[in-house]
Amino acid sequence: MRKIKFFLLGLIPGLILVFFILNKKGASCSGYLPNSRVIAETLSKDFTYSAHFTAEMAALKIDEKFLKDSIITNGTIDFENSNAQRKPCPSYILTYPKNNPRYKIGFEKCKEQSNFESFKKLR
């Protein structure tokens, strides 16, 4: 019983200290999930758009800033309909927003660039 008390006496303040240090630095563990990794890698690459994708963006009056800052950043990768194992460029389907999606984007994530191919408004 004495060992457990000493263990908890060190563990609890240690967890609180680590929590406050990581919270100040803005660190989070959400970047380790597959959805977050694919989105972060996609945003770090150069974007290329197909003619169809550009035409759909213009028709829906969506600019590149909104695409990057809102749709891609807050979107959800549909891994069931994506081909993440395809070589050399895995292809993904992204929906935005998470609940009741309004947009569906199809893109490839290559080594140097992200190729955006399809853009659909769902409702």
C-alpha atoms as a PDB file:
ATOM      1  CA  MET A   1       0.000   0.000   0.000  1.00  0.00           C
ATOM      2  CA  ARG A   2       2.876   2.322   0.791  1.00  0.00           C
ATOM      3  CA  LYS A   3       4.393   1.820  -2.659  1.00  0.00           C
ATOM      4  CA  ILE A   4       1.105   2.731  -4.355  1.00  0.00           C
ATOM      5  CA  LYS A   5       0.907   5.972  -2.338  1.00  0.00           C
ATOM      6  CA  PHE A   6       4.441   6.966  -3.385  1.00  0.00           C
ATOM      7  CA  PHE A   7       3.672   6.028  -6.985  1.00  0.00           C
ATOM      8  CA  LEU A   8       0.503   8.156  -7.069  1.00  0.00           C
ATOM      9  CA  LEU A   9       2.275  10.988  -5.228  1.00  0.00           C
ATOM     10  CA  GLY A  10       4.679  11.274  -8.168  1.00  0.00           C
ATOM     11  CA  LEU A  11       2.350  10.289 -11.007  1.00  0.00           C
ATOM     12  CA  ILE A  12      -0.459  12.764 -10.440  1.00  0.00           C
ATOM     13  CA  PRO A  13       1.676  15.943 -10.223  1.00  0.00           C
ATOM     14  CA  GLY A  14       3.759  14.660 -13.134  1.00  0.00           C
ATOM     15  CA  LEU A  15       0.687  14.225 -15.342  1.00  0.00           C
ATOM     16  CA  ILE A  16      -0.591  17.675 -14.421  1.00  0.00           C
ATOM     17  CA  LEU A  17       2.794  19.225 -15.198  1.00  0.00           C
ATOM     18  CA  VAL A  18       3.065  17.464 -18.569  1.00  0.00           C
ATOM     19  CA  PHE A  19      -0.518  18.433 -19.430  1.00  0.00           C
ATOM     20  CA  PHE A  20       0.148  22.140 -18.837  1.00  0.00           C
ATOM     21  CA  ILE A  21       3.468  22.127 -20.711  1.00  0.00           C
ATOM     22  CA  LEU A  22       2.006  20.389 -23.768  1.00  0.00           C
ATOM     23  CA  ASN A  23      -1.108  22.548 -23.660  1.00  0.00           C
ATOM     24  CA  LYS A  24       0.996  25.738 -23.754  1.00  0.00           C
ATOM     25  CA  LYS A  25       2.911  24.519 -26.776  1.00  0.00           C
ATOM     26  CA  GLY A  26      -0.304  23.655 -28.607  1.00  0.00           C
ATOM     27  CA  ALA A  27       0.642  20.010 -28.988  1.00  0.00           C
ATOM     28  CA  SER A  28      -2.078  17.459 -29.547  1.00  0.00           C
ATOM     29  CA  CYS A  29      -2.304  13.771 -30.271  1.00  0.00           C
ATOM     30  CA  SER A  30      -4.868  14.178 -33.022  1.00  0.00           C
ATOM     31  CA  GLY A  31      -2.166  14.278 -35.716  1.00  0.00           C
ATOM     32  CA  TYR A  32      -1.501  10.570 -35.383  1.00  0.00           C
ATOM     33  CA  LEU A  33      -4.815   9.356 -36.721  1.00  0.00           C
ATOM     34  CA  PRO A  34      -4.933   8.287 -40.401  1.00  0.00           C
ATOM     35  CA  ASN A  35      -7.408  11.018 -41.392  1.00  0.00           C
ATOM     36  CA  SER A  36      -5.217  13.754 -39.899  1.00  0.00           C
ATOM     37  CA  ARG A  37      -2.034  12.378 -41.459  1.00  0.00           C
ATOM     38  CA  VAL A  38      -3.488  12.211 -44.977  1.00  0.00           C
ATOM     39  CA  ILE A  39      -4.865  15.755 -44.711  1.00  0.00           C
ATOM     40  CA  ALA A  40      -1.607  17.153 -43.295  1.00  0.00           C
ATOM     41  CA  GLU A  41       0.459  15.460 -46.027  1.00  0.00           C
ATOM     42  CA  THR A  42      -1.938  16.702 -48.708  1.00  0.00           C
ATOM     43  CA  LEU A  43      -1.764  20.291 -47.492  1.00  0.00           C
ATOM     44  CA  SER A  44       2.048  20.191 -47.453  1.00  0.00           C
ATOM     45  CA  LYS A  45       2.271  19.440 -51.193  1.00  0.00           C
ATOM     46  CA  ASP A  46       1.773  21.565 -54.303  1.00  0.00           C
ATOM     47  CA  PHE A  47      -1.779  21.497 -55.631  1.00  0.00           C
ATOM     48  CA  THR A  48      -2.659  20.749 -59.254  1.00  0.00           C
ATOM     49  CA  TYR A  49      -6.229  20.880 -60.504  1.00  0.00           C
ATOM     50  CA  SER A  50      -7.825  19.081 -63.425  1.00  0.00           C
ATOM     51  CA  ALA A  51      -9.903  21.115 -65.888  1.00  0.00           C
ATOM     52  CA  HIS A  52     -13.069  19.460 -64.545  1.00  0.00           C
ATOM     53  CA  PHE A  53     -12.124  20.322 -60.948  1.00  0.00           C
ATOM     54  CA  THR A  54     -11.421  23.963 -61.838  1.00  0.00           C
ATOM     55  CA  ALA A  55     -14.729  24.246 -63.717  1.00  0.00           C
ATOM     56  CA  GLU A  56     -16.682  22.819 -60.772  1.00  0.00           C
ATOM     57  CA  MET A  57     -14.951  25.197 -58.332  1.00  0.00           C
ATOM     58  CA  ALA A  58     -15.877  28.140 -60.552  1.00  0.00           C
ATOM     59  CA  ALA A  59     -19.475  26.948 -60.927  1.00  0.00           C
ATOM     60  CA  LEU A  60     -19.848  26.567 -57.147  1.00  0.00           C
ATOM     61  CA  LYS A  61     -18.017  29.879 -56.499  1.00  0.00           C
ATOM     62  CA  ILE A  62     -15.387  28.278 -54.291  1.00  0.00           C
ATOM     63  CA  ASP A  63     -11.897  29.764 -54.235  1.00  0.00           C
ATOM     64  CA  GLU A  64      -8.602  28.047 -53.428  1.00  0.00           C
ATOM     65  CA  LYS A  65      -8.329  29.649 -49.982  1.00  0.00           C
ATOM     66  CA  PHE A  66     -11.720  28.257 -48.899  1.00  0.00           C
ATOM     67  CA  LEU A  67     -10.771  24.894 -50.392  1.00  0.00           C
ATOM     68  CA  LYS A  68      -7.548  24.670 -48.366  1.00  0.00           C
ATOM     69  CA  ASP A  69      -8.619  26.386 -45.143  1.00  0.00           C
ATOM     70  CA  SER A  70     -12.069  24.891 -44.721  1.00  0.00           C
ATOM     71  CA  ILE A  71     -12.917  21.996 -46.984  1.00  0.00           C
ATOM     72  CA  ILE A  72      -9.643  20.071 -46.886  1.00  0.00           C
ATOM     73  CA  THR A  73      -8.595  21.066 -43.362  1.00  0.00           C
ATOM     74  CA  ASN A  74     -11.939  20.146 -41.805  1.00  0.00           C
ATOM     75  CA  GLY A  75     -12.856  17.345 -44.195  1.00  0.00           C
ATOM     76  CA  THR A  76     -12.995  13.620 -43.548  1.00  0.00           C
ATOM     77  CA  ILE A  77     -11.284  10.991 -45.675  1.00  0.00           C
ATOM     78  CA  ASP A  78     -13.629   8.192 -46.763  1.00  0.00           C
ATOM     79  CA  PHE A  79     -11.203   5.283 -46.516  1.00  0.00           C
ATOM     80  CA  GLU A  80     -13.815   2.734 -47.623  1.00  0.00           C
ATOM     81  CA  ASN A  81     -14.142   4.368 -51.056  1.00  0.00           C
ATOM     82  CA  SER A  82     -10.490   5.449 -51.324  1.00  0.00           C
ATOM     83  CA  ASN A  83      -7.593   3.479 -52.775  1.00  0.00           C
ATOM     84  CA  ALA A  84      -4.874   4.238 -50.224  1.00  0.00           C
ATOM     85  CA  GLN A  85      -2.624   1.361 -51.340  1.00  0.00           C
ATOM     86  CA  ARG A  86      -2.434   2.348 -55.014  1.00  0.00           C
ATOM     87  CA  LYS A  87       1.076   2.915 -56.389  1.00  0.00           C
ATOM     88  CA  PRO A  88       2.650   5.374 -57.106  1.00  0.00           C
ATOM     89  CA  CYS A  89      -0.113   7.822 -56.102  1.00  0.00           C
ATOM     90  CA  PRO A  90      -2.786   6.755 -53.607  1.00  0.00           C
ATOM     91  CA  SER A  91      -6.238   8.164 -54.363  1.00  0.00           C
ATOM     92  CA  TYR A  92      -8.634   9.425 -51.708  1.00  0.00           C
ATOM     93  CA  ILE A  93     -12.207  10.622 -51.394  1.00  0.00           C
ATOM     94  CA  LEU A  94     -12.724  13.536 -49.018  1.00  0.00           C
ATOM     95  CA  THR A  95     -16.130  14.692 -47.754  1.00  0.00           C
ATOM     96  CA  TYR A  96     -16.931  17.989 -46.059  1.00  0.00           C
ATOM     97  CA  PRO A  97     -18.318  18.625 -43.481  1.00  0.00           C
ATOM     98  CA  LYS A  98     -18.144  15.547 -41.322  1.00  0.00           C
ATOM     99  CA  ASN A  99     -21.861  15.392 -40.516  1.00  0.00           C
ATOM    100  CA  ASN A 100     -24.246  15.719 -43.461  1.00  0.00           C
ATOM    101  CA  PRO A 101     -21.549  16.191 -46.127  1.00  0.00           C
ATOM    102  CA  ARG A 102     -22.129  18.836 -48.785  1.00  0.00           C
ATOM    103  CA  TYR A 103     -19.005  18.347 -50.912  1.00  0.00           C
ATOM    104  CA  LYS A 104     -17.127  15.305 -52.192  1.00  0.00           C
ATOM    105  CA  ILE A 105     -13.588  15.645 -53.548  1.00  0.00           C
ATOM    106  CA  GLY A 106     -11.501  13.019 -55.304  1.00  0.00           C
ATOM    107  CA  PHE A 107      -7.732  13.494 -55.326  1.00  0.00           C
ATOM    108  CA  GLU A 108      -4.394  11.712 -55.637  1.00  0.00           C
ATOM    109  CA  LYS A 109      -1.538  12.273 -53.212  1.00  0.00           C
ATOM    110  CA  CYS A 110       1.779  11.825 -55.001  1.00  0.00           C
ATOM    111  CA  LYS A 111       5.289  12.436 -53.648  1.00  0.00           C
ATOM    112  CA  GLU A 112       5.647  15.983 -54.910  1.00  0.00           C
ATOM    113  CA  GLN A 113       2.072  17.145 -55.458  1.00  0.00           C
ATOM    114  CA  SER A 114      -1.604  16.581 -54.787  1.00  0.00           C
ATOM    115  CA  ASN A 115      -3.704  16.146 -57.936  1.00  0.00           C
ATOM    116  CA  PHE A 116      -7.335  17.164 -57.490  1.00  0.00           C
ATOM    117  CA  GLU A 117      -9.544  15.424 -60.033  1.00  0.00           C
ATOM    118  CA  SER A 118     -13.230  15.560 -59.072  1.00  0.00           C
ATOM    119  CA  PHE A 119     -15.399  17.973 -57.113  1.00  0.00           C
ATOM    120  CA  LYS A 120     -19.097  17.334 -56.489  1.00  0.00           C
ATOM    121  CA  LYS A 121     -21.764  19.115 -54.528  1.00  0.00           C
ATOM    122  CA  LEU A 122     -23.843  16.450 -52.799  1.00  0.00           C
ATOM    123  CA  ARG A 123     -26.858  18.531 -51.785  1.00  0.00           C
END
